[in-house]
Structure formats: structure tokens, C-alpha cells
Amino acid sequence: AAEHGVPTITNVGRRGGSGLAAGLTNE
């Protein structure tokens, strides 16, 4: 994404999940 100019929101590490992705999108 950085190479091709696409903005992203991600995280590092093993954690994450559906609830987190939905919450960030809702923000």
C-alpha cells in the first residue's frame, strides 16, 4: 500500500479481529 499510495489502517502483532475492524471502520 505504501509503495502504491493506498492509505491503510492496520496493526502489528497477532491480535486483531472482526470487532476491531468494524469499530475502526465505524469511526
mmCIF file of all heavy atoms, coordinates in Angstrom:
data_MODEL
# 
_entry.id   MODEL 
# 
loop_
_atom_site.group_PDB 
_atom_site.id 
_atom_site.type_symbol 
_atom_site.label_atom_id 
_atom_site.label_alt_id 
_atom_site.label_comp_id 
_atom_site.label_asym_id 
_atom_site.label_entity_id 
_atom_site.label_seq_id 
_atom_site.pdbx_PDB_ins_code 
_atom_site.Cartn_x 
_atom_site.Cartn_y 
_atom_site.Cartn_z 
_atom_site.occupancy 
_atom_site.B_iso_or_equiv 
_atom_site.pdbx_formal_charge 
_atom_site.auth_seq_id 
_atom_site.auth_comp_id 
_atom_site.auth_asym_id 
_atom_site.auth_atom_id 
_atom_site.pdbx_PDB_model_num 
ATOM 1   N N   . ALA A 1 1  ? 0.826   -1.203  0.000  1.00 0.00 ? 1  ALA A N   1 
ATOM 2   C CA  . ALA A 1 1  ? 0.000   0.000   0.000  1.00 0.00 ? 1  ALA A CA  1 
ATOM 3   C C   . ALA A 1 1  ? 0.861   1.255   0.000  1.00 0.00 ? 1  ALA A C   1 
ATOM 4   O O   . ALA A 1 1  ? 0.555   2.231   -0.703 1.00 0.00 ? 1  ALA A O   1 
ATOM 5   C CB  . ALA A 1 1  ? -0.924  -0.008  1.203  1.00 0.00 ? 1  ALA A CB  1 
ATOM 6   N N   . ALA A 1 2  ? 1.920   1.251   0.786  1.00 0.00 ? 2  ALA A N   1 
ATOM 7   C CA  . ALA A 1 2  ? 2.807   2.413   0.829  1.00 0.00 ? 2  ALA A CA  1 
ATOM 8   C C   . ALA A 1 2  ? 3.471   2.634   -0.529 1.00 0.00 ? 2  ALA A C   1 
ATOM 9   O O   . ALA A 1 2  ? 3.611   3.774   -0.993 1.00 0.00 ? 2  ALA A O   1 
ATOM 10  C CB  . ALA A 1 2  ? 3.859   2.219   1.914  1.00 0.00 ? 2  ALA A CB  1 
ATOM 11  N N   . GLU A 1 3  ? 3.848   1.545   -1.177 1.00 0.00 ? 3  GLU A N   1 
ATOM 12  C CA  . GLU A 1 3  ? 4.506   1.644   -2.482 1.00 0.00 ? 3  GLU A CA  1 
ATOM 13  C C   . GLU A 1 3  ? 3.576   2.211   -3.548 1.00 0.00 ? 3  GLU A C   1 
ATOM 14  O O   . GLU A 1 3  ? 4.013   2.963   -4.431 1.00 0.00 ? 3  GLU A O   1 
ATOM 15  C CB  . GLU A 1 3  ? 5.005   0.262   -2.915 1.00 0.00 ? 3  GLU A CB  1 
ATOM 16  C CG  . GLU A 1 3  ? 5.708   0.263   -4.267 1.00 0.00 ? 3  GLU A CG  1 
ATOM 17  C CD  . GLU A 1 3  ? 6.192   -1.120  -4.667 1.00 0.00 ? 3  GLU A CD  1 
ATOM 18  O OE1 . GLU A 1 3  ? 6.059   -2.065  -3.848 1.00 0.00 ? 3  GLU A OE1 1 
ATOM 19  O OE2 . GLU A 1 3  ? 6.688   -1.251  -5.812 1.00 0.00 ? 3  GLU A OE2 1 
ATOM 20  N N   . HIS A 1 4  ? 2.282   1.899   -3.431 1.00 0.00 ? 4  HIS A N   1 
ATOM 21  C CA  . HIS A 1 4  ? 1.334   2.285   -4.476 1.00 0.00 ? 4  HIS A CA  1 
ATOM 22  C C   . HIS A 1 4  ? 0.370   3.393   -4.043 1.00 0.00 ? 4  HIS A C   1 
ATOM 23  O O   . HIS A 1 4  ? -0.594  3.691   -4.749 1.00 0.00 ? 4  HIS A O   1 
ATOM 24  C CB  . HIS A 1 4  ? 0.549   1.061   -4.938 1.00 0.00 ? 4  HIS A CB  1 
ATOM 25  C CG  . HIS A 1 4  ? 1.400   0.020   -5.598 1.00 0.00 ? 4  HIS A CG  1 
ATOM 26  N ND1 . HIS A 1 4  ? 1.851   0.144   -6.885 1.00 0.00 ? 4  HIS A ND1 1 
ATOM 27  C CD2 . HIS A 1 4  ? 1.919   -1.147  -5.120 1.00 0.00 ? 4  HIS A CD2 1 
ATOM 28  C CE1 . HIS A 1 4  ? 2.593   -0.904  -7.205 1.00 0.00 ? 4  HIS A CE1 1 
ATOM 29  N NE2 . HIS A 1 4  ? 2.650   -1.704  -6.148 1.00 0.00 ? 4  HIS A NE2 1 
ATOM 30  N N   . GLY A 1 5  ? 0.630   4.007   -2.898 1.00 0.00 ? 5  GLY A N   1 
ATOM 31  C CA  . GLY A 1 5  ? -0.139  5.174   -2.494 1.00 0.00 ? 5  GLY A CA  1 
ATOM 32  C C   . GLY A 1 5  ? -1.548  4.890   -2.023 1.00 0.00 ? 5  GLY A C   1 
ATOM 33  O O   . GLY A 1 5  ? -2.442  5.740   -2.187 1.00 0.00 ? 5  GLY A O   1 
ATOM 34  N N   . VAL A 1 6  ? -1.778  3.728   -1.433 1.00 0.00 ? 6  VAL A N   1 
ATOM 35  C CA  . VAL A 1 6  ? -3.099  3.395   -0.898 1.00 0.00 ? 6  VAL A CA  1 
ATOM 36  C C   . VAL A 1 6  ? -3.068  3.570   0.627  1.00 0.00 ? 6  VAL A C   1 
ATOM 37  O O   . VAL A 1 6  ? -2.298  2.897   1.309  1.00 0.00 ? 6  VAL A O   1 
ATOM 38  C CB  . VAL A 1 6  ? -3.505  1.951   -1.240 1.00 0.00 ? 6  VAL A CB  1 
ATOM 39  C CG1 . VAL A 1 6  ? -4.840  1.601   -0.573 1.00 0.00 ? 6  VAL A CG1 1 
ATOM 40  C CG2 . VAL A 1 6  ? -3.598  1.772   -2.749 1.00 0.00 ? 6  VAL A CG2 1 
ATOM 41  N N   . PRO A 1 7  ? -3.860  4.456   1.195  1.00 0.00 ? 7  PRO A N   1 
ATOM 42  C CA  . PRO A 1 7  ? -3.860  4.660   2.644  1.00 0.00 ? 7  PRO A CA  1 
ATOM 43  C C   . PRO A 1 7  ? -4.387  3.424   3.374  1.00 0.00 ? 7  PRO A C   1 
ATOM 44  O O   . PRO A 1 7  ? -5.345  2.790   2.917  1.00 0.00 ? 7  PRO A O   1 
ATOM 45  C CB  . PRO A 1 7  ? -4.804  5.851   2.844  1.00 0.00 ? 7  PRO A CB  1 
ATOM 46  C CG  . PRO A 1 7  ? -4.915  6.500   1.493  1.00 0.00 ? 7  PRO A CG  1 
ATOM 47  C CD  . PRO A 1 7  ? -4.779  5.391   0.508  1.00 0.00 ? 7  PRO A CD  1 
ATOM 48  N N   . THR A 1 8  ? -3.745  3.078   4.485  1.00 0.00 ? 8  THR A N   1 
ATOM 49  C CA  . THR A 1 8  ? -4.191  1.921   5.256  1.00 0.00 ? 8  THR A CA  1 
ATOM 50  C C   . THR A 1 8  ? -4.192  2.211   6.750  1.00 0.00 ? 8  THR A C   1 
ATOM 51  O O   . THR A 1 8  ? -3.444  3.048   7.243  1.00 0.00 ? 8  THR A O   1 
ATOM 52  C CB  . THR A 1 8  ? -3.288  0.690   5.030  1.00 0.00 ? 8  THR A CB  1 
ATOM 53  O OG1 . THR A 1 8  ? -1.994  0.933   5.602  1.00 0.00 ? 8  THR A OG1 1 
ATOM 54  C CG2 . THR A 1 8  ? -3.150  0.367   3.557  1.00 0.00 ? 8  THR A CG2 1 
ATOM 55  N N   . ILE A 1 9  ? -5.052  1.478   7.448  1.00 0.00 ? 9  ILE A N   1 
ATOM 56  C CA  . ILE A 1 9  ? -5.064  1.435   8.907  1.00 0.00 ? 9  ILE A CA  1 
ATOM 57  C C   . ILE A 1 9  ? -4.923  -0.033  9.286  1.00 0.00 ? 9  ILE A C   1 
ATOM 58  O O   . ILE A 1 9  ? -5.779  -0.857  8.939  1.00 0.00 ? 9  ILE A O   1 
ATOM 59  C CB  . ILE A 1 9  ? -6.372  2.000   9.487  1.00 0.00 ? 9  ILE A CB  1 
ATOM 60  C CG1 . ILE A 1 9  ? -6.580  3.454   9.054  1.00 0.00 ? 9  ILE A CG1 1 
ATOM 61  C CG2 . ILE A 1 9  ? -6.367  1.895   11.012 1.00 0.00 ? 9  ILE A CG2 1 
ATOM 62  C CD1 . ILE A 1 9  ? -7.955  4.007   9.406  1.00 0.00 ? 9  ILE A CD1 1 
ATOM 63  N N   . THR A 1 10 ? -3.837  -0.380  9.961  1.00 0.00 ? 10 THR A N   1 
ATOM 64  C CA  . THR A 1 10 ? -3.585  -1.755  10.352 1.00 0.00 ? 10 THR A CA  1 
ATOM 65  C C   . THR A 1 10 ? -3.035  -1.770  11.773 1.00 0.00 ? 10 THR A C   1 
ATOM 66  O O   . THR A 1 10 ? -2.977  -0.739  12.445 1.00 0.00 ? 10 THR A O   1 
ATOM 67  C CB  . THR A 1 10 ? -2.572  -2.432  9.409  1.00 0.00 ? 10 THR A CB  1 
ATOM 68  O OG1 . THR A 1 10 ? -1.309  -1.747  9.506  1.00 0.00 ? 10 THR A OG1 1 
ATOM 69  C CG2 . THR A 1 10 ? -3.049  -2.401  7.961  1.00 0.00 ? 10 THR A CG2 1 
ATOM 70  N N   . ASN A 1 11 ? -2.607  -2.944  12.204 1.00 0.00 ? 11 ASN A N   1 
ATOM 71  C CA  . ASN A 1 11 ? -1.938  -3.056  13.497 1.00 0.00 ? 11 ASN A CA  1 
ATOM 72  C C   . ASN A 1 11 ? -0.810  -4.068  13.389 1.00 0.00 ? 11 ASN A C   1 
ATOM 73  O O   . ASN A 1 11 ? -0.725  -4.820  12.408 1.00 0.00 ? 11 ASN A O   1 
ATOM 74  C CB  . ASN A 1 11 ? -2.916  -3.475  14.602 1.00 0.00 ? 11 ASN A CB  1 
ATOM 75  C CG  . ASN A 1 11 ? -3.462  -4.868  14.402 1.00 0.00 ? 11 ASN A CG  1 
ATOM 76  O OD1 . ASN A 1 11 ? -4.282  -5.090  13.511 1.00 0.00 ? 11 ASN A OD1 1 
ATOM 77  N ND2 . ASN A 1 11 ? -3.007  -5.820  15.207 1.00 0.00 ? 11 ASN A ND2 1 
ATOM 78  N N   . VAL A 1 12 ? 0.062   -4.091  14.357 1.00 0.00 ? 12 VAL A N   1 
ATOM 79  C CA  . VAL A 1 12 ? 1.141   -5.068  14.392 1.00 0.00 ? 12 VAL A CA  1 
ATOM 80  C C   . VAL A 1 12 ? 0.834   -6.115  15.457 1.00 0.00 ? 12 VAL A C   1 
ATOM 81  O O   . VAL A 1 12 ? 0.019   -5.895  16.349 1.00 0.00 ? 12 VAL A O   1 
ATOM 82  C CB  . VAL A 1 12 ? 2.496   -4.396  14.688 1.00 0.00 ? 12 VAL A CB  1 
ATOM 83  C CG1 . VAL A 1 12 ? 2.872   -3.444  13.565 1.00 0.00 ? 12 VAL A CG1 1 
ATOM 84  C CG2 . VAL A 1 12 ? 2.465   -3.659  16.022 1.00 0.00 ? 12 VAL A CG2 1 
ATOM 85  N N   . GLY A 1 13 ? 1.495   -7.266  15.344 1.00 0.00 ? 13 GLY A N   1 
ATOM 86  C CA  . GLY A 1 13 ? 1.302   -8.333  16.306 1.00 0.00 ? 13 GLY A CA  1 
ATOM 87  C C   . GLY A 1 13 ? 0.229   -9.318  15.883 1.00 0.00 ? 13 GLY A C   1 
ATOM 88  O O   . GLY A 1 13 ? -0.328  -9.238  14.788 1.00 0.00 ? 13 GLY A O   1 
ATOM 89  N N   . ARG A 1 14 ? -0.063  -10.276 16.771 1.00 0.00 ? 14 ARG A N   1 
ATOM 90  C CA  . ARG A 1 14 ? -1.017  -11.342 16.459 1.00 0.00 ? 14 ARG A CA  1 
ATOM 91  C C   . ARG A 1 14 ? -2.467  -10.916 16.665 1.00 0.00 ? 14 ARG A C   1 
ATOM 92  O O   . ARG A 1 14 ? -3.384  -11.547 16.154 1.00 0.00 ? 14 ARG A O   1 
ATOM 93  C CB  . ARG A 1 14 ? -0.741  -12.571 17.340 1.00 0.00 ? 14 ARG A CB  1 
ATOM 94  C CG  . ARG A 1 14 ? 0.587   -13.243 17.084 1.00 0.00 ? 14 ARG A CG  1 
ATOM 95  C CD  . ARG A 1 14 ? 0.701   -14.537 17.862 1.00 0.00 ? 14 ARG A CD  1 
ATOM 96  N NE  . ARG A 1 14 ? 0.685   -14.298 19.304 1.00 0.00 ? 14 ARG A NE  1 
ATOM 97  C CZ  . ARG A 1 14 ? 1.781   -14.147 20.039 1.00 0.00 ? 14 ARG A CZ  1 
ATOM 98  N NH1 . ARG A 1 14 ? 2.974   -14.179 19.467 1.00 0.00 ? 14 ARG A NH1 1 
ATOM 99  N NH2 . ARG A 1 14 ? 1.699   -13.950 21.356 1.00 0.00 ? 14 ARG A NH2 1 
ATOM 100 N N   . ARG A 1 15 ? -2.679  -9.880  17.448 1.00 0.00 ? 15 ARG A N   1 
ATOM 101 C CA  . ARG A 1 15 ? -4.044  -9.523  17.831 1.00 0.00 ? 15 ARG A CA  1 
ATOM 102 C C   . ARG A 1 15 ? -4.774  -8.783  16.712 1.00 0.00 ? 15 ARG A C   1 
ATOM 103 O O   . ARG A 1 15 ? -4.172  -8.323  15.751 1.00 0.00 ? 15 ARG A O   1 
ATOM 104 C CB  . ARG A 1 15 ? -4.005  -8.679  19.099 1.00 0.00 ? 15 ARG A CB  1 
ATOM 105 C CG  . ARG A 1 15 ? -3.379  -9.415  20.256 1.00 0.00 ? 15 ARG A CG  1 
ATOM 106 C CD  . ARG A 1 15 ? -3.016  -8.493  21.380 1.00 0.00 ? 15 ARG A CD  1 
ATOM 107 N NE  . ARG A 1 15 ? -4.199  -7.868  21.968 1.00 0.00 ? 15 ARG A NE  1 
ATOM 108 C CZ  . ARG A 1 15 ? -4.134  -6.947  22.914 1.00 0.00 ? 15 ARG A CZ  1 
ATOM 109 N NH1 . ARG A 1 15 ? -2.955  -6.516  23.338 1.00 0.00 ? 15 ARG A NH1 1 
ATOM 110 N NH2 . ARG A 1 15 ? -5.237  -6.433  23.414 1.00 0.00 ? 15 ARG A NH2 1 
ATOM 111 N N   . GLY A 1 16 ? -6.095  -8.675  16.879 1.00 0.00 ? 16 GLY A N   1 
ATOM 112 C CA  . GLY A 1 16 ? -6.919  -8.016  15.870 1.00 0.00 ? 16 GLY A CA  1 
ATOM 113 C C   . GLY A 1 16 ? -8.328  -8.573  15.948 1.00 0.00 ? 16 GLY A C   1 
ATOM 114 O O   . GLY A 1 16 ? -8.845  -8.808  17.026 1.00 0.00 ? 16 GLY A O   1 
ATOM 115 N N   . GLY A 1 17 ? -8.948  -8.769  14.801 1.00 0.00 ? 17 GLY A N   1 
ATOM 116 C CA  . GLY A 1 17 ? -10.248 -9.402  14.784 1.00 0.00 ? 17 GLY A CA  1 
ATOM 117 C C   . GLY A 1 17 ? -11.364 -8.582  14.182 1.00 0.00 ? 17 GLY A C   1 
ATOM 118 O O   . GLY A 1 17 ? -11.201 -7.390  13.865 1.00 0.00 ? 17 GLY A O   1 
ATOM 119 N N   . SER A 1 18 ? -12.515 -9.234  14.045 1.00 0.00 ? 18 SER A N   1 
ATOM 120 C CA  . SER A 1 18 ? -13.667 -8.641  13.368 1.00 0.00 ? 18 SER A CA  1 
ATOM 121 C C   . SER A 1 18 ? -14.214 -7.426  14.104 1.00 0.00 ? 18 SER A C   1 
ATOM 122 O O   . SER A 1 18 ? -14.576 -6.418  13.481 1.00 0.00 ? 18 SER A O   1 
ATOM 123 C CB  . SER A 1 18 ? -14.769 -9.692  13.217 1.00 0.00 ? 18 SER A CB  1 
ATOM 124 O OG  . SER A 1 18 ? -14.322 -10.783 12.449 1.00 0.00 ? 18 SER A OG  1 
ATOM 125 N N   . GLY A 1 19 ? -14.314 -7.528  15.443 1.00 0.00 ? 19 GLY A N   1 
ATOM 126 C CA  . GLY A 1 19 ? -14.852 -6.407  16.211 1.00 0.00 ? 19 GLY A CA  1 
ATOM 127 C C   . GLY A 1 19 ? -13.995 -5.169  16.089 1.00 0.00 ? 19 GLY A C   1 
ATOM 128 O O   . GLY A 1 19 ? -14.506 -4.048  15.981 1.00 0.00 ? 19 GLY A O   1 
ATOM 129 N N   . LEU A 1 20 ? -12.676 -5.368  16.098 1.00 0.00 ? 20 LEU A N   1 
ATOM 130 C CA  . LEU A 1 20 ? -11.766 -4.238  15.947 1.00 0.00 ? 20 LEU A CA  1 
ATOM 131 C C   . LEU A 1 20 ? -11.905 -3.602  14.572 1.00 0.00 ? 20 LEU A C   1 
ATOM 132 O O   . LEU A 1 20 ? -11.997 -2.378  14.446 1.00 0.00 ? 20 LEU A O   1 
ATOM 133 C CB  . LEU A 1 20 ? -10.321 -4.702  16.172 1.00 0.00 ? 20 LEU A CB  1 
ATOM 134 C CG  . LEU A 1 20 ? -9.235  -3.660  15.972 1.00 0.00 ? 20 LEU A CG  1 
ATOM 135 C CD1 . LEU A 1 20 ? -9.395  -2.492  16.927 1.00 0.00 ? 20 LEU A CD1 1 
ATOM 136 C CD2 . LEU A 1 20 ? -7.856  -4.309  16.129 1.00 0.00 ? 20 LEU A CD2 1 
ATOM 137 N N   . ALA A 1 21 ? -11.924 -4.424  13.531 1.00 0.00 ? 21 ALA A N   1 
ATOM 138 C CA  . ALA A 1 21 ? -12.054 -3.890  12.165 1.00 0.00 ? 21 ALA A CA  1 
ATOM 139 C C   . ALA A 1 21 ? -13.349 -3.113  11.993 1.00 0.00 ? 21 ALA A C   1 
ATOM 140 O O   . ALA A 1 21 ? -13.371 -2.027  11.396 1.00 0.00 ? 21 ALA A O   1 
ATOM 141 C CB  . ALA A 1 21 ? -11.983 -5.028  11.152 1.00 0.00 ? 21 ALA A CB  1 
ATOM 142 N N   . ALA A 1 22 ? -14.450 -3.656  12.522 1.00 0.00 ? 22 ALA A N   1 
ATOM 143 C CA  . ALA A 1 22 ? -15.735 -2.965  12.427 1.00 0.00 ? 22 ALA A CA  1 
ATOM 144 C C   . ALA A 1 22 ? -15.698 -1.657  13.202 1.00 0.00 ? 22 ALA A C   1 
ATOM 145 O O   . ALA A 1 22 ? -16.191 -0.622  12.737 1.00 0.00 ? 22 ALA A O   1 
ATOM 146 C CB  . ALA A 1 22 ? -16.859 -3.864  12.935 1.00 0.00 ? 22 ALA A CB  1 
ATOM 147 N N   . GLY A 1 23 ? -15.106 -1.682  14.395 1.00 0.00 ? 23 GLY A N   1 
ATOM 148 C CA  . GLY A 1 23 ? -15.030 -0.465  15.206 1.00 0.00 ? 23 GLY A CA  1 
ATOM 149 C C   . GLY A 1 23 ? -14.239 0.633   14.530 1.00 0.00 ? 23 GLY A C   1 
ATOM 150 O O   . GLY A 1 23 ? -14.643 1.812   14.545 1.00 0.00 ? 23 GLY A O   1 
ATOM 151 N N   . LEU A 1 24 ? -13.109 0.285   13.930 1.00 0.00 ? 24 LEU A N   1 
ATOM 152 C CA  . LEU A 1 24 ? -12.292 1.290   13.250 1.00 0.00 ? 24 LEU A CA  1 
ATOM 153 C C   . LEU A 1 24 ? -13.013 1.843   12.018 1.00 0.00 ? 24 LEU A C   1 
ATOM 154 O O   . LEU A 1 24 ? -12.937 3.046   11.736 1.00 0.00 ? 24 LEU A O   1 
ATOM 155 C CB  . LEU A 1 24 ? -10.949 0.685   12.846 1.00 0.00 ? 24 LEU A CB  1 
ATOM 156 C CG  . LEU A 1 24 ? -10.075 0.155   13.987 1.00 0.00 ? 24 LEU A CG  1 
ATOM 157 C CD1 . LEU A 1 24 ? -8.731  -0.317  13.450 1.00 0.00 ? 24 LEU A CD1 1 
ATOM 158 C CD2 . LEU A 1 24 ? -9.880  1.191   15.084 1.00 0.00 ? 24 LEU A CD2 1 
ATOM 159 N N   . THR A 1 25 ? -13.709 0.970   11.307 1.00 0.00 ? 25 THR A N   1 
ATOM 160 C CA  . THR A 1 25 ? -14.491 1.429   10.154 1.00 0.00 ? 25 THR A CA  1 
ATOM 161 C C   . THR A 1 25 ? -15.625 2.344   10.602 1.00 0.00 ? 25 THR A C   1 
ATOM 162 O O   . THR A 1 25 ? -15.896 3.385   9.972  1.00 0.00 ? 25 THR A O   1 
ATOM 163 C CB  . THR A 1 25 ? -15.059 0.229   9.383  1.00 0.00 ? 25 THR A CB  1 
ATOM 164 O OG1 . THR A 1 25 ? -13.986 -0.647  9.016  1.00 0.00 ? 25 THR A OG1 1 
ATOM 165 C CG2 . THR A 1 25 ? -15.781 0.690   8.122  1.00 0.00 ? 25 THR A CG2 1 
ATOM 166 N N   . ASN A 1 26 ? -16.263 1.993   11.703 1.00 0.00 ? 26 ASN A N   1 
ATOM 167 C CA  . ASN A 1 26 ? -17.334 2.848   12.224 1.00 0.00 ? 26 ASN A CA  1 
ATOM 168 C C   . ASN A 1 26 ? -16.809 4.219   12.637 1.00 0.00 ? 26 ASN A C   1 
ATOM 169 O O   . ASN A 1 26 ? -17.539 5.220   12.558 1.00 0.00 ? 26 ASN A O   1 
ATOM 170 C CB  . ASN A 1 26 ? -18.013 2.169   13.411 1.00 0.00 ? 26 ASN A CB  1 
ATOM 171 C CG  . ASN A 1 26 ? -18.872 0.992   12.989 1.00 0.00 ? 26 ASN A CG  1 
ATOM 172 O OD1 . ASN A 1 26 ? -19.218 0.846   11.823 1.00 0.00 ? 26 ASN A OD1 1 
ATOM 173 N ND2 . ASN A 1 26 ? -19.208 0.141   13.940 1.00 0.00 ? 26 ASN A ND2 1 
ATOM 174 N N   . GLU A 1 27 ? -15.564 4.278   13.064 1.00 0.00 ? 27 GLU A N   1 
ATOM 175 C CA  . GLU A 1 27 ? -15.002 5.587   13.410 1.00 0.00 ? 27 GLU A CA  1 
ATOM 176 C C   . GLU A 1 27 ? -14.834 6.453   12.166 1.00 0.00 ? 27 GLU A C   1 
ATOM 177 O O   . GLU A 1 27 ? -14.967 7.675   12.229 1.00 0.00 ? 27 GLU A O   1 
ATOM 178 C CB  . GLU A 1 27 ? -13.669 5.429   14.139 1.00 0.00 ? 27 GLU A CB  1 
ATOM 179 C CG  . GLU A 1 27 ? -13.105 6.731   14.689 1.00 0.00 ? 27 GLU A CG  1 
ATOM 180 C CD  . GLU A 1 27 ? -14.038 7.422   15.686 1.00 0.00 ? 27 GLU A CD  1 
ATOM 181 O OE1 . GLU A 1 27 ? -14.876 6.736   16.331 1.00 0.00 ? 27 GLU A OE1 1 
ATOM 182 O OE2 . GLU A 1 27 ? -13.931 8.659   15.824 1.00 0.00 ? 27 GLU A OE2 1 
# 
